[in-house]
């Protein structure tokens, strides 16, 4: 299953490292990543692959939100199909 992770907040050292380490610890592969800094605001989108046997999407969402709070950024995760449906023209 593919999912989209978004990270938005003030730019600071270690955001990519901490999010990547979180994913690696849970055996979640990063399929694609894009990040930029706009006027001091950090914006990152990642497409990640969660193994089919990996359940607990809600748990991962909660843990990512907690990680975001600890770093003072907003982190969200949603299923790729939901993301695509929301952004269809």
PDB file of N, CA and C in Angstrom:
ATOM      1  N   UNK A   1       0.838  -1.171   0.000  1.00  0.00           N
ATOM      2  CA  UNK A   1       0.000   0.000   0.000  1.00  0.00           C
ATOM      3  C   UNK A   1       0.888   1.242   0.000  1.00  0.00           C
ATOM      4  N   UNK A   2       0.577   2.188  -0.866  1.00  0.00           N
ATOM      5  CA  UNK A   2       1.292   3.460  -0.879  1.00  0.00           C
ATOM      6  C   UNK A   2       0.513   4.500  -0.096  1.00  0.00           C
ATOM      7  N   UNK A   3       1.253   5.395   0.541  1.00  0.00           N
ATOM      8  CA  UNK A   3       0.653   6.482   1.298  1.00  0.00           C
ATOM      9  C   UNK A   3       1.478   7.740   1.056  1.00  0.00           C
ATOM     10  N   UNK A   4       0.864   8.881   1.339  1.00  0.00           N
ATOM     11  CA  UNK A   4       1.521  10.178   1.182  1.00  0.00           C
ATOM     12  C   UNK A   4       1.723  10.783   2.567  1.00  0.00           C
ATOM     13  N   UNK A   5       2.946  11.214   2.823  1.00  0.00           N
ATOM     14  CA  UNK A   5       3.270  11.921   4.063  1.00  0.00           C
ATOM     15  C   UNK A   5       3.599  13.352   3.697  1.00  0.00           C
ATOM     16  N   UNK A   6       3.009  14.297   4.412  1.00  0.00           N
ATOM     17  CA  UNK A   6       3.345  15.704   4.223  1.00  0.00           C
ATOM     18  C   UNK A   6       3.903  16.249   5.532  1.00  0.00           C
ATOM     19  N   UNK A   7       4.920  17.088   5.400  1.00  0.00           N
ATOM     20  CA  UNK A   7       5.543  17.736   6.555  1.00  0.00           C
ATOM     21  C   UNK A   7       5.619  19.218   6.238  1.00  0.00           C
ATOM     22  N   UNK A   8       5.074  20.048   7.124  1.00  0.00           N
ATOM     23  CA  UNK A   8       5.061  21.494   6.912  1.00  0.00           C
ATOM     24  C   UNK A   8       5.388  22.184   8.230  1.00  0.00           C
ATOM     25  N   UNK A   9       6.268  23.170   8.170  1.00  0.00           N
ATOM     26  CA  UNK A   9       6.591  23.936   9.372  1.00  0.00           C
ATOM     27  C   UNK A   9       7.824  24.785   9.149  1.00  0.00           C
ATOM     28  N   UNK A  10       8.263  25.409  10.202  1.00  0.00           N
ATOM     29  CA  UNK A  10       9.468  26.223  10.131  1.00  0.00           C
ATOM     30  C   UNK A  10      10.681  25.355   9.840  1.00  0.00           C
ATOM     31  N   UNK A  11      11.574  25.860   9.000  1.00  0.00           N
ATOM     32  CA  UNK A  11      12.763  25.103   8.626  1.00  0.00           C
ATOM     33  C   UNK A  11      13.723  25.021   9.802  1.00  0.00           C
ATOM     34  N   UNK A  12      14.262  23.812  10.007  1.00  0.00           N
ATOM     35  CA  UNK A  12      15.276  23.600  11.041  1.00  0.00           C
ATOM     36  C   UNK A  12      16.066  22.351  10.697  1.00  0.00           C
ATOM     37  N   UNK A  13      17.211  22.219  11.269  1.00  0.00           N
ATOM     38  CA  UNK A  13      18.085  21.076  11.026  1.00  0.00           C
ATOM     39  C   UNK A  13      17.444  19.793  11.555  1.00  0.00           C
ATOM     40  N   UNK A  14      17.512  18.732  10.738  1.00  0.00           N
ATOM     41  CA  UNK A  14      17.134  17.409  11.215  1.00  0.00           C
ATOM     42  C   UNK A  14      15.747  16.921  10.877  1.00  0.00           C
ATOM     43  N   UNK A  15      14.923  17.712  10.201  1.00  0.00           N
ATOM     44  CA  UNK A  15      13.554  17.273   9.917  1.00  0.00           C
ATOM     45  C   UNK A  15      13.577  16.021   9.040  1.00  0.00           C
ATOM     46  N   UNK A  16      14.287  16.079   7.925  1.00  0.00           N
ATOM     47  CA  UNK A  16      14.318  14.928   7.020  1.00  0.00           C
ATOM     48  C   UNK A  16      14.935  13.722   7.730  1.00  0.00           C
ATOM     49  N   UNK A  17      15.991  13.944   8.483  1.00  0.00           N
ATOM     50  CA  UNK A  17      16.666  12.846   9.187  1.00  0.00           C
ATOM     51  C   UNK A  17      15.731  12.160  10.182  1.00  0.00           C
ATOM     52  N   UNK A  18      14.994  12.940  10.953  1.00  0.00           N
ATOM     53  CA  UNK A  18      14.117  12.348  11.970  1.00  0.00           C
ATOM     54  C   UNK A  18      12.938  11.610  11.352  1.00  0.00           C
ATOM     55  N   UNK A  19      12.342  12.182  10.313  1.00  0.00           N
ATOM     56  CA  UNK A  19      11.216  11.508   9.660  1.00  0.00           C
ATOM     57  C   UNK A  19      11.709  10.238   8.970  1.00  0.00           C
ATOM     58  N   UNK A  20      12.844  10.317   8.295  1.00  0.00           N
ATOM     59  CA  UNK A  20      13.402   9.146   7.620  1.00  0.00           C
ATOM     60  C   UNK A  20      13.759   8.046   8.612  1.00  0.00           C
ATOM     61  N   UNK A  21      14.344   8.405   9.743  1.00  0.00           N
ATOM     62  CA  UNK A  21      14.687   7.414  10.767  1.00  0.00           C
ATOM     63  C   UNK A  21      13.430   6.755  11.320  1.00  0.00           C
ATOM     64  N   UNK A  22      12.373   7.548  11.546  1.00  0.00           N
ATOM     65  CA  UNK A  22      11.095   7.008  12.014  1.00  0.00           C
ATOM     66  C   UNK A  22      10.590   5.943  11.042  1.00  0.00           C
ATOM     67  N   UNK A  23      10.624   6.263   9.756  1.00  0.00           N
ATOM     68  CA  UNK A  23      10.138   5.329   8.739  1.00  0.00           C
ATOM     69  C   UNK A  23      11.028   4.092   8.662  1.00  0.00           C
ATOM     70  N   UNK A  24      12.339   4.265   8.696  1.00  0.00           N
ATOM     71  CA  UNK A  24      13.264   3.132   8.621  1.00  0.00           C
ATOM     72  C   UNK A  24      13.066   2.189   9.806  1.00  0.00           C
ATOM     73  N   UNK A  25      12.845   2.746  10.982  1.00  0.00           N
ATOM     74  CA  UNK A  25      12.624   1.922  12.179  1.00  0.00           C
ATOM     75  C   UNK A  25      11.387   1.038  12.047  1.00  0.00           C
ATOM     76  N   UNK A  26      10.453   1.444  11.190  1.00  0.00           N
ATOM     77  CA  UNK A  26       9.201   0.698  11.005  1.00  0.00           C
ATOM     78  C   UNK A  26       9.168  -0.052   9.677  1.00  0.00           C
ATOM     79  N   UNK A  27      10.325  -0.116   9.015  1.00  0.00           N
ATOM     80  CA  UNK A  27      10.453  -0.827   7.739  1.00  0.00           C
ATOM     81  C   UNK A  27       9.504  -0.269   6.672  1.00  0.00           C
ATOM     82  N   UNK A  28       9.342   1.058   6.671  1.00  0.00           N
ATOM     83  CA  UNK A  28       8.513   1.747   5.686  1.00  0.00           C
ATOM     84  C   UNK A  28       9.455   2.384   4.668  1.00  0.00           C
ATOM     85  N   UNK A  29       9.310   1.989   3.410  1.00  0.00           N
ATOM     86  CA  UNK A  29      10.210   2.447   2.362  1.00  0.00           C
ATOM     87  C   UNK A  29       9.742   3.772   1.757  1.00  0.00           C
ATOM     88  N   UNK A  30      10.684   4.684   1.535  1.00  0.00           N
ATOM     89  CA  UNK A  30      10.404   5.944   0.848  1.00  0.00           C
ATOM     90  C   UNK A  30      10.530   5.679  -0.645  1.00  0.00           C
ATOM     91  N   UNK A  31       9.425   5.827  -1.368  1.00  0.00           N
ATOM     92  CA  UNK A  31       9.407   5.599  -2.821  1.00  0.00           C
ATOM     93  C   UNK A  31       9.783   6.866  -3.588  1.00  0.00           C
ATOM     94  N   UNK A  32       9.369   8.023  -3.083  1.00  0.00           N
ATOM     95  CA  UNK A  32       9.645   9.298  -3.751  1.00  0.00           C
ATOM     96  C   UNK A  32       9.603  10.386  -2.684  1.00  0.00           C
ATOM     97  N   UNK A  33      10.376  11.437  -2.897  1.00  0.00           N
ATOM     98  CA  UNK A  33      10.427  12.529  -1.919  1.00  0.00           C
ATOM     99  C   UNK A  33      10.669  13.848  -2.643  1.00  0.00           C
ATOM    100  N   UNK A  34      10.007  14.887  -2.158  1.00  0.00           N
ATOM    101  CA  UNK A  34      10.209  16.233  -2.674  1.00  0.00           C
ATOM    102  C   UNK A  34      10.165  17.177  -1.485  1.00  0.00           C
ATOM    103  N   UNK A  35      11.120  18.087  -1.427  1.00  0.00           N
ATOM    104  CA  UNK A  35      11.115  19.057  -0.329  1.00  0.00           C
ATOM    105  C   UNK A  35      11.634  20.384  -0.826  1.00  0.00           C
ATOM    106  N   UNK A  36      11.165  21.426  -0.175  1.00  0.00           N
ATOM    107  CA  UNK A  36      11.621  22.767  -0.505  1.00  0.00           C
ATOM    108  C   UNK A  36      11.487  23.642   0.734  1.00  0.00           C
ATOM    109  N   UNK A  37      12.136  24.762   0.699  1.00  0.00           N
ATOM    110  CA  UNK A  37      12.011  25.767   1.747  1.00  0.00           C
ATOM    111  C   UNK A  37      11.534  27.044   1.079  1.00  0.00           C
ATOM    112  N   UNK A  38      10.387  27.547   1.536  1.00  0.00           N
ATOM    113  CA  UNK A  38       9.801  28.762   0.987  1.00  0.00           C
ATOM    114  C   UNK A  38       9.734  29.811   2.087  1.00  0.00           C
ATOM    115  N   UNK A  39      10.521  30.846   1.967  1.00  0.00           N
ATOM    116  CA  UNK A  39      10.541  31.943   2.943  1.00  0.00           C
ATOM    117  C   UNK A  39      10.668  31.422   4.369  1.00  0.00           C
ATOM    118  N   UNK A  40      11.546  30.456   4.572  1.00  0.00           N
ATOM    119  CA  UNK A  40      11.777  29.915   5.907  1.00  0.00           C
ATOM    120  C   UNK A  40      10.825  28.811   6.314  1.00  0.00           C
ATOM    121  N   UNK A  41       9.870  28.489   5.448  1.00  0.00           N
ATOM    122  CA  UNK A  41       8.914  27.420   5.738  1.00  0.00           C
ATOM    123  C   UNK A  41       9.326  26.149   5.003  1.00  0.00           C
ATOM    124  N   UNK A  42       9.464  25.074   5.758  1.00  0.00           N
ATOM    125  CA  UNK A  42       9.847  23.786   5.215  1.00  0.00           C
ATOM    126  C   UNK A  42       8.600  23.052   4.735  1.00  0.00           C
ATOM    127  N   UNK A  43       8.641  22.513   3.519  1.00  0.00           N
ATOM    128  CA  UNK A  43       7.524  21.750   2.954  1.00  0.00           C
ATOM    129  C   UNK A  43       8.092  20.485   2.324  1.00  0.00           C
ATOM    130  N   UNK A  44       7.589  19.328   2.744  1.00  0.00           N
ATOM    131  CA  UNK A  44       8.062  18.060   2.197  1.00  0.00           C
ATOM    132  C   UNK A  44       6.877  17.141   1.939  1.00  0.00           C
ATOM    133  N   UNK A  45       6.941  16.431   0.812  1.00  0.00           N
ATOM    134  CA  UNK A  45       5.971  15.382   0.495  1.00  0.00           C
ATOM    135  C   UNK A  45       6.749  14.114   0.209  1.00  0.00           C
ATOM    136  N   UNK A  46       6.269  13.024   0.733  1.00  0.00           N
ATOM    137  CA  UNK A  46       6.910  11.727   0.511  1.00  0.00           C
ATOM    138  C   UNK A  46       5.843  10.725   0.108  1.00  0.00           C
ATOM    139  N   UNK A  47       6.161   9.896  -0.891  1.00  0.00           N
ATOM    140  CA  UNK A  47       5.330   8.726  -1.147  1.00  0.00           C
ATOM    141  C   UNK A  47       6.063   7.567  -0.502  1.00  0.00           C
ATOM    142  N   UNK A  48       5.370   6.850   0.357  1.00  0.00           N
ATOM    143  CA  UNK A  48       5.977   5.732   1.067  1.00  0.00           C
ATOM    144  C   UNK A  48       5.200   4.459   0.780  1.00  0.00           C
ATOM    145  N   UNK A  49       5.886   3.339   0.918  1.00  0.00           N
ATOM    146  CA  UNK A  49       5.245   2.036   0.724  1.00  0.00           C
ATOM    147  C   UNK A  49       5.210   1.312   2.060  1.00  0.00           C
ATOM    148  N   UNK A  50       4.003   0.963   2.467  1.00  0.00           N
ATOM    149  CA  UNK A  50       3.821   0.167   3.670  1.00  0.00           C
ATOM    150  C   UNK A  50       3.568  -1.265   3.226  1.00  0.00           C
ATOM    151  N   UNK A  51       4.294  -2.201   3.799  1.00  0.00           N
ATOM    152  CA  UNK A  51       4.138  -3.608   3.434  1.00  0.00           C
ATOM    153  C   UNK A  51       2.688  -4.044   3.624  1.00  0.00           C
ATOM    154  N   UNK A  52       2.233  -4.939   2.750  1.00  0.00           N
ATOM    155  CA  UNK A  52       0.842  -5.382   2.789  1.00  0.00           C
ATOM    156  C   UNK A  52       0.435  -5.926   4.150  1.00  0.00           C
ATOM    157  N   UNK A  53       1.360  -6.605   4.816  1.00  0.00           N
ATOM    158  CA  UNK A  53       1.021  -7.180   6.114  1.00  0.00           C
ATOM    159  C   UNK A  53       1.049  -6.144   7.231  1.00  0.00           C
ATOM    160  N   UNK A  54       1.504  -4.960   6.907  1.00  0.00           N
ATOM    161  CA  UNK A  54       1.633  -3.916   7.911  1.00  0.00           C
ATOM    162  C   UNK A  54       0.279  -3.240   8.123  1.00  0.00           C
ATOM    163  N   UNK A  55      -0.335  -3.541   9.222  1.00  0.00           N
ATOM    164  CA  UNK A  55      -1.590  -2.897   9.557  1.00  0.00           C
ATOM    165  C   UNK A  55      -1.294  -1.794  10.559  1.00  0.00           C
ATOM    166  N   UNK A  56      -2.290  -1.083  10.946  1.00  0.00           N
ATOM    167  CA  UNK A  56      -2.074  -0.044  11.937  1.00  0.00           C
ATOM    168  C   UNK A  56      -1.771   1.310  11.340  1.00  0.00           C
ATOM    169  N   UNK A  57      -2.396   1.616  10.202  1.00  0.00           N
ATOM    170  CA  UNK A  57      -2.203   2.923   9.578  1.00  0.00           C
ATOM    171  C   UNK A  57      -2.523   4.045  10.569  1.00  0.00           C
ATOM    172  N   UNK A  58      -3.581   3.865  11.328  1.00  0.00           N
ATOM    173  CA  UNK A  58      -3.969   4.898  12.306  1.00  0.00           C
ATOM    174  C   UNK A  58      -2.896   5.072  13.373  1.00  0.00           C
ATOM    175  N   UNK A  59      -2.280   3.979  13.780  1.00  0.00           N
ATOM    176  CA  UNK A  59      -1.206   4.050  14.773  1.00  0.00           C
ATOM    177  C   UNK A  59      -0.014   4.825  14.224  1.00  0.00           C
ATOM    178  N   UNK A  60       0.343   4.549  12.976  1.00  0.00           N
ATOM    179  CA  UNK A  60       1.462   5.256  12.343  1.00  0.00           C
ATOM    180  C   UNK A  60       1.133   6.738  12.208  1.00  0.00           C
ATOM    181  N   UNK A  61      -0.114   7.049  11.829  1.00  0.00           N
ATOM    182  CA  UNK A  61      -0.540   8.451  11.720  1.00  0.00           C
ATOM    183  C   UNK A  61      -0.383   9.167  13.054  1.00  0.00           C
ATOM    184  N   UNK A  62      -0.799   8.499  14.122  1.00  0.00           N
ATOM    185  CA  UNK A  62      -0.714   9.089  15.458  1.00  0.00           C
ATOM    186  C   UNK A  62       0.734   9.308  15.869  1.00  0.00           C
ATOM    187  N   UNK A  63       1.582   8.308  15.607  1.00  0.00           N
ATOM    188  CA  UNK A  63       2.996   8.437  15.950  1.00  0.00           C
ATOM    189  C   UNK A  63       3.673   9.549  15.151  1.00  0.00           C
ATOM    190  N   UNK A  64       3.329   9.669  13.871  1.00  0.00           N
ATOM    191  CA  UNK A  64       3.888  10.749  13.055  1.00  0.00           C
ATOM    192  C   UNK A  64       3.437  12.111  13.561  1.00  0.00           C
ATOM    193  N   UNK A  65       2.169  12.221  13.956  1.00  0.00           N
ATOM    194  CA  UNK A  65       1.666  13.493  14.491  1.00  0.00           C
ATOM    195  C   UNK A  65       2.416  13.862  15.771  1.00  0.00           C
ATOM    196  N   UNK A  66       2.696  12.872  16.611  1.00  0.00           N
ATOM    197  CA  UNK A  66       3.455  13.113  17.844  1.00  0.00           C
ATOM    198  C   UNK A  66       4.880  13.549  17.514  1.00  0.00           C
ATOM    199  N   UNK A  67       5.514  12.878  16.550  1.00  0.00           N
ATOM    200  CA  UNK A  67       6.851  13.267  16.112  1.00  0.00           C
ATOM    201  C   UNK A  67       6.838  14.710  15.612  1.00  0.00           C
ATOM    202  N   UNK A  68       5.819  15.063  14.830  1.00  0.00           N
ATOM    203  CA  UNK A  68       5.688  16.424  14.335  1.00  0.00           C
ATOM    204  C   UNK A  68       5.560  17.436  15.456  1.00  0.00           C
ATOM    205  N   UNK A  69       4.751  17.112  16.453  1.00  0.00           N
ATOM    206  CA  UNK A  69       4.606  18.011  17.602  1.00  0.00           C
ATOM    207  C   UNK A  69       5.936  18.216  18.308  1.00  0.00           C
ATOM    208  N   UNK A  70       6.699  17.129  18.449  1.00  0.00           N
ATOM    209  CA  UNK A  70       8.010  17.229  19.098  1.00  0.00           C
ATOM    210  C   UNK A  70       8.967  18.127  18.319  1.00  0.00           C
ATOM    211  N   UNK A  71       8.825  18.166  16.991  1.00  0.00           N
ATOM    212  CA  UNK A  71       9.704  18.980  16.139  1.00  0.00           C
ATOM    213  C   UNK A  71       9.080  20.324  15.788  1.00  0.00           C
ATOM    214  N   UNK A  72       7.867  20.578  16.266  1.00  0.00           N
ATOM    215  CA  UNK A  72       7.140  21.815  15.980  1.00  0.00           C
ATOM    216  C   UNK A  72       6.848  21.980  14.488  1.00  0.00           C
ATOM    217  N   UNK A  73       6.469  20.852  13.849  1.00  0.00           N
ATOM    218  CA  UNK A  73       6.007  20.854  12.463  1.00  0.00           C
ATOM    219  C   UNK A  73       4.725  20.022  12.405  1.00  0.00           C
ATOM    220  N   UNK A  74       4.009  20.148  11.310  1.00  0.00           N
ATOM    221  CA  UNK A  74       2.804  19.359  11.104  1.00  0.00           C
ATOM    222  C   UNK A  74       3.128  18.201  10.169  1.00  0.00           C
ATOM    223  N   UNK A  75       2.843  16.968  10.621  1.00  0.00           N
ATOM    224  CA  UNK A  75       3.078  15.788   9.791  1.00  0.00           C
ATOM    225  C   UNK A  75       1.759  15.046   9.642  1.00  0.00           C
ATOM    226  N   UNK A  76       1.392  14.758   8.393  1.00  0.00           N
ATOM    227  CA  UNK A  76       0.166  13.995   8.159  1.00  0.00           C
ATOM    228  C   UNK A  76       0.456  12.848   7.204  1.00  0.00           C
ATOM    229  N   UNK A  77      -0.379  11.816   7.278  1.00  0.00           N
ATOM    230  CA  UNK A  77      -0.248  10.649   6.422  1.00  0.00           C
ATOM    231  C   UNK A  77      -1.626  10.277   5.931  1.00  0.00           C
ATOM    232  N   UNK A  78      -1.743   9.991   4.635  1.00  0.00           N
ATOM    233  CA  UNK A  78      -3.013   9.511   4.103  1.00  0.00           C
ATOM    234  C   UNK A  78      -2.755   8.515   2.986  1.00  0.00           C
ATOM    235  N   UNK A  79      -3.692   7.633   2.806  1.00  0.00           N
ATOM    236  CA  UNK A  79      -3.604   6.627   1.752  1.00  0.00           C
ATOM    237  C   UNK A  79      -3.481   7.347   0.415  1.00  0.00           C
ATOM    238  N   UNK A  80      -2.672   6.797  -0.480  1.00  0.00           N
ATOM    239  CA  UNK A  80      -2.436   7.426  -1.785  1.00  0.00           C
ATOM    240  C   UNK A  80      -3.736   7.664  -2.554  1.00  0.00           C
ATOM    241  N   UNK A  81      -4.677   6.737  -2.485  1.00  0.00           N
ATOM    242  CA  UNK A  81      -5.944   6.885  -3.212  1.00  0.00           C
ATOM    243  C   UNK A  81      -6.761   8.053  -2.672  1.00  0.00           C
ATOM    244  N   UNK A  82      -6.733   8.241  -1.362  1.00  0.00           N
ATOM    245  CA  UNK A  82      -7.444   9.371  -0.761  1.00  0.00           C
ATOM    246  C   UNK A  82      -6.791  10.677  -1.206  1.00  0.00           C
ATOM    247  N   UNK A  83      -5.470  10.725  -1.165  1.00  0.00           N
ATOM    248  CA  UNK A  83      -4.736  11.917  -1.586  1.00  0.00           C
ATOM    249  C   UNK A  83      -5.050  12.251  -3.043  1.00  0.00           C
ATOM    250  N   UNK A  84      -5.012  11.242  -3.908  1.00  0.00           N
ATOM    251  CA  UNK A  84      -5.286  11.451  -5.336  1.00  0.00           C
ATOM    252  C   UNK A  84      -6.709  11.951  -5.571  1.00  0.00           C
ATOM    253  N   UNK A  85      -7.662  11.381  -4.851  1.00  0.00           N
ATOM    254  CA  UNK A  85      -9.058  11.795  -4.996  1.00  0.00           C
ATOM    255  C   UNK A  85      -9.244  13.242  -4.542  1.00  0.00           C
ATOM    256  N   UNK A  86      -8.541  13.635  -3.493  1.00  0.00           N
ATOM    257  CA  UNK A  86      -8.672  15.011  -2.979  1.00  0.00           C
ATOM    258  C   UNK A  86      -8.076  16.031  -3.940  1.00  0.00           C
ATOM    259  N   UNK A  87      -7.085  15.623  -4.737  1.00  0.00           N
ATOM    260  CA  UNK A  87      -6.380  16.564  -5.590  1.00  0.00           C
ATOM    261  C   UNK A  87      -6.684  16.382  -7.066  1.00  0.00           C
ATOM    262  N   UNK A  88      -7.738  15.670  -7.365  1.00  0.00           N
ATOM    263  CA  UNK A  88      -8.150  15.493  -8.746  1.00  0.00           C
ATOM    264  C   UNK A  88      -8.856  16.749  -9.219  1.00  0.00           C
ATOM    265  N   UNK A  89      -8.562  17.155 -10.427  1.00  0.00           N
ATOM    266  CA  UNK A  89      -9.172  18.374 -10.986  1.00  0.00           C
ATOM    267  C   UNK A  89     -10.481  18.030 -11.647  1.00  0.00           C
TER     268      UNK A  89
END
